[in-house]
Structure formats: structure tokens, C-alpha cells
N, C-alpha and C. Protein backbone atom coordinates (compact mmCIF):
# COMPACT_ATOMS: atom_id res chain seq x y z
N MET A 1 31.78 144.56 29.90
CA MET A 1 30.87 143.43 29.88
C MET A 1 29.82 143.61 30.96
N PRO A 2 28.54 143.32 30.71
CA PRO A 2 27.49 143.53 31.70
C PRO A 2 27.64 142.57 32.89
N GLU A 3 27.23 143.06 34.04
CA GLU A 3 27.26 142.24 35.24
C GLU A 3 26.18 141.17 35.15
N ASN A 4 26.50 139.94 35.55
CA ASN A 4 25.50 138.90 35.55
C ASN A 4 25.00 138.60 36.96
N HIS A 5 25.58 139.26 37.97
CA HIS A 5 25.16 139.15 39.36
C HIS A 5 25.26 137.75 39.93
N LEU A 6 26.08 136.91 39.34
CA LEU A 6 26.33 135.60 39.91
C LEU A 6 27.55 135.69 40.82
N ARG A 7 27.38 135.20 42.05
CA ARG A 7 28.45 135.28 43.05
C ARG A 7 29.30 134.01 43.01
N VAL A 8 30.62 134.21 42.95
CA VAL A 8 31.56 133.09 42.93
C VAL A 8 32.63 133.33 43.99
N ILE A 9 32.98 132.27 44.69
CA ILE A 9 34.09 132.32 45.63
C ILE A 9 35.24 131.53 45.03
N VAL A 10 36.43 132.13 45.04
CA VAL A 10 37.65 131.46 44.59
C VAL A 10 38.51 131.25 45.83
N ALA A 11 38.82 129.99 46.13
CA ALA A 11 39.59 129.65 47.32
C ALA A 11 40.86 128.91 46.93
N ASP A 12 41.99 129.46 47.34
CA ASP A 12 43.28 128.83 47.04
C ASP A 12 44.31 129.45 47.97
N ASP A 13 45.33 128.69 48.33
CA ASP A 13 46.38 129.24 49.19
C ASP A 13 47.48 129.92 48.39
N ASP A 14 47.38 129.91 47.07
CA ASP A 14 48.38 130.54 46.21
C ASP A 14 47.83 131.86 45.65
N PRO A 15 48.41 133.00 46.03
CA PRO A 15 47.90 134.30 45.58
C PRO A 15 47.88 134.45 44.05
N PHE A 16 48.86 133.88 43.36
CA PHE A 16 48.89 134.00 41.90
C PHE A 16 47.68 133.29 41.28
N THR A 17 47.38 132.09 41.77
CA THR A 17 46.24 131.34 41.25
C THR A 17 44.94 132.09 41.53
N ILE A 18 44.80 132.60 42.73
CA ILE A 18 43.59 133.38 43.06
C ILE A 18 43.45 134.55 42.10
N SER A 19 44.53 135.29 41.90
CA SER A 19 44.49 136.45 41.02
C SER A 19 44.10 136.07 39.60
N LEU A 20 44.71 135.03 39.09
CA LEU A 20 44.44 134.59 37.72
C LEU A 20 42.98 134.18 37.54
N VAL A 21 42.49 133.35 38.42
CA VAL A 21 41.12 132.84 38.30
C VAL A 21 40.10 133.95 38.59
N ALA A 22 40.32 134.69 39.67
CA ALA A 22 39.36 135.74 40.05
C ALA A 22 39.29 136.84 39.00
N ASP A 23 40.43 137.26 38.48
CA ASP A 23 40.42 138.32 37.46
C ASP A 23 39.68 137.86 36.20
N GLY A 24 39.90 136.63 35.79
CA GLY A 24 39.19 136.11 34.62
C GLY A 24 37.69 136.08 34.83
N LEU A 25 37.28 135.66 36.02
CA LEU A 25 35.84 135.64 36.31
C LEU A 25 35.25 137.04 36.37
N ARG A 26 35.98 137.96 36.99
CA ARG A 26 35.49 139.35 37.05
C ARG A 26 35.35 139.95 35.66
N LEU A 27 36.31 139.67 34.79
CA LEU A 27 36.24 140.17 33.41
C LEU A 27 35.03 139.60 32.67
N SER A 28 34.56 138.46 33.13
CA SER A 28 33.37 137.84 32.53
C SER A 28 32.09 138.30 33.20
N GLY A 29 32.21 139.21 34.17
CA GLY A 29 31.03 139.80 34.79
C GLY A 29 30.58 139.19 36.09
N PHE A 30 31.35 138.25 36.63
CA PHE A 30 30.97 137.63 37.90
C PHE A 30 31.36 138.51 39.08
N GLU A 31 30.61 138.41 40.15
CA GLU A 31 30.95 139.04 41.43
C GLU A 31 31.81 138.03 42.18
N VAL A 32 33.07 138.36 42.43
CA VAL A 32 34.02 137.38 42.96
C VAL A 32 34.51 137.80 44.35
N SER A 33 34.50 136.82 45.26
CA SER A 33 35.14 136.96 46.56
C SER A 33 36.26 135.93 46.60
N THR A 34 37.31 136.23 47.36
CA THR A 34 38.45 135.31 47.42
C THR A 34 38.77 134.93 48.85
N ALA A 35 39.35 133.74 48.99
CA ALA A 35 39.76 133.23 50.30
C ALA A 35 41.08 132.50 50.14
N THR A 36 41.94 132.63 51.15
CA THR A 36 43.24 131.96 51.09
C THR A 36 43.32 130.77 52.05
N SER A 37 42.20 130.44 52.70
CA SER A 37 42.16 129.28 53.59
C SER A 37 40.77 128.65 53.53
N VAL A 38 40.71 127.41 53.97
CA VAL A 38 39.42 126.72 54.01
C VAL A 38 38.47 127.43 54.97
N GLU A 39 38.98 127.85 56.11
CA GLU A 39 38.15 128.52 57.10
C GLU A 39 37.58 129.83 56.55
N GLU A 40 38.41 130.60 55.88
CA GLU A 40 37.96 131.87 55.29
C GLU A 40 36.93 131.61 54.19
N ALA A 41 37.15 130.59 53.40
CA ALA A 41 36.19 130.25 52.34
C ALA A 41 34.85 129.86 52.94
N TRP A 42 34.86 129.08 54.01
CA TRP A 42 33.61 128.67 54.66
C TRP A 42 32.85 129.88 55.21
N ARG A 43 33.57 130.83 55.80
CA ARG A 43 32.91 132.05 56.28
C ARG A 43 32.25 132.80 55.12
N LEU A 44 32.95 132.88 53.99
CA LEU A 44 32.37 133.56 52.82
C LEU A 44 31.14 132.82 52.29
N VAL A 45 31.20 131.50 52.28
CA VAL A 45 30.05 130.71 51.83
C VAL A 45 28.85 130.99 52.70
N ARG A 46 29.05 130.99 54.00
CA ARG A 46 27.92 131.23 54.92
C ARG A 46 27.39 132.65 54.79
N ARG A 47 28.27 133.61 54.56
CA ARG A 47 27.87 135.01 54.51
C ARG A 47 27.24 135.39 53.17
N SER A 48 27.78 134.89 52.06
CA SER A 48 27.33 135.40 50.76
C SER A 48 26.47 134.43 49.95
N ASP A 49 26.35 133.17 50.40
CA ASP A 49 25.55 132.17 49.69
C ASP A 49 25.84 132.23 48.18
N PRO A 50 27.06 131.84 47.79
CA PRO A 50 27.48 131.98 46.39
C PRO A 50 26.76 131.02 45.45
N HIS A 51 26.78 131.36 44.19
CA HIS A 51 26.25 130.47 43.15
C HIS A 51 27.26 129.38 42.81
N ALA A 52 28.56 129.66 43.01
CA ALA A 52 29.60 128.69 42.70
C ALA A 52 30.81 128.90 43.62
N LEU A 53 31.55 127.80 43.80
CA LEU A 53 32.78 127.83 44.57
C LEU A 53 33.85 127.14 43.75
N VAL A 54 34.95 127.85 43.49
CA VAL A 54 36.11 127.28 42.80
C VAL A 54 37.18 127.14 43.87
N SER A 55 37.59 125.89 44.14
CA SER A 55 38.50 125.67 45.26
C SER A 55 39.67 124.77 44.90
N ASP A 56 40.82 125.13 45.43
CA ASP A 56 41.98 124.25 45.43
C ASP A 56 41.62 123.05 46.31
N LEU A 57 42.18 121.91 46.05
CA LEU A 57 41.93 120.75 46.91
C LEU A 57 42.99 120.59 47.98
N ASN A 58 44.20 121.10 47.74
CA ASN A 58 45.30 120.94 48.67
C ASN A 58 45.71 122.29 49.24
N PHE A 59 45.30 122.56 50.47
CA PHE A 59 45.67 123.79 51.16
C PHE A 59 46.84 123.57 52.10
N GLY A 60 47.53 122.45 51.97
CA GLY A 60 48.63 122.14 52.88
C GLY A 60 48.09 121.53 54.16
N PRO A 61 48.82 121.68 55.28
CA PRO A 61 48.38 121.10 56.55
C PRO A 61 47.03 121.68 56.99
N GLY A 62 46.25 120.86 57.61
CA GLY A 62 44.94 121.32 58.09
C GLY A 62 43.83 120.84 57.18
N HIS A 63 42.76 121.60 57.13
CA HIS A 63 41.58 121.22 56.35
C HIS A 63 41.88 121.23 54.86
N SER A 64 41.21 120.36 54.14
CA SER A 64 41.42 120.27 52.69
C SER A 64 40.28 120.93 51.93
N GLY A 65 40.54 121.24 50.68
CA GLY A 65 39.49 121.77 49.82
C GLY A 65 38.38 120.76 49.62
N ALA A 66 38.73 119.46 49.62
CA ALA A 66 37.71 118.42 49.49
C ALA A 66 36.76 118.45 50.68
N ALA A 67 37.29 118.66 51.88
CA ALA A 67 36.44 118.77 53.07
C ALA A 67 35.54 120.00 52.97
N LEU A 68 36.08 121.10 52.46
CA LEU A 68 35.27 122.31 52.26
C LEU A 68 34.13 122.04 51.30
N LEU A 69 34.42 121.40 50.18
CA LEU A 69 33.37 121.12 49.19
C LEU A 69 32.31 120.18 49.77
N ALA A 70 32.72 119.19 50.56
CA ALA A 70 31.76 118.29 51.20
C ALA A 70 30.87 119.05 52.17
N ARG A 71 31.46 119.97 52.91
CA ARG A 71 30.69 120.78 53.87
C ARG A 71 29.67 121.66 53.15
N VAL A 72 30.09 122.27 52.05
CA VAL A 72 29.17 123.10 51.25
C VAL A 72 28.06 122.23 50.69
N HIS A 73 28.39 121.05 50.21
CA HIS A 73 27.38 120.13 49.67
C HIS A 73 26.36 119.77 50.74
N ARG A 74 26.82 119.43 51.95
CA ARG A 74 25.88 119.10 53.04
C ARG A 74 24.97 120.27 53.35
N ARG A 75 25.50 121.48 53.30
CA ARG A 75 24.70 122.67 53.59
C ARG A 75 23.59 122.86 52.57
N HIS A 76 23.82 122.45 51.35
CA HIS A 76 22.87 122.70 50.25
C HIS A 76 22.19 121.44 49.73
N GLU A 77 22.18 120.38 50.51
CA GLU A 77 21.56 119.13 50.09
C GLU A 77 20.07 119.24 49.84
N ASP A 78 19.41 120.03 50.62
CA ASP A 78 17.94 120.11 50.54
C ASP A 78 17.47 120.65 49.27
């Protein structure tokens, strides 16, 4: 399948979920980066400026996926 050059970040604390979602996106031609924590996902967002972010909402104790999505939204409000 041809590359579409759209960058997607998949963030989840479960390796199986990351693998399932990321592999499906890659097979569809997306450029995929993965993160297993909110902090790692935020670093990837700042570094790669993705077109989309697919995130778990519950990462356990600490920061939530909802907080990550709100932070990304604030960064791209303009």
C-alpha cells in the first residue's frame, strides 16, 4: 500500500493494544510512532507534530490520556 505520509502517534500502557492499533495503521500506510506513557507521548507530539493522536484515556496512576489530549489541544488552538 502506498505511503500517505500522515504521522500518527499511538499512546497506550498496554503493549498488545499498541501493537494491534499501530500495525493496522502501518498497514494502511501511516507513519506511526508509539508511546507507553503520557510523558513519552507528549515528547513525541512536540518532536514530530503528528497529524493524529490515538490515546488510551486511563494510563493508571499519574497523568491521564484526557490530560494529554487537553494539552495537545491547547498547543494547537491557534
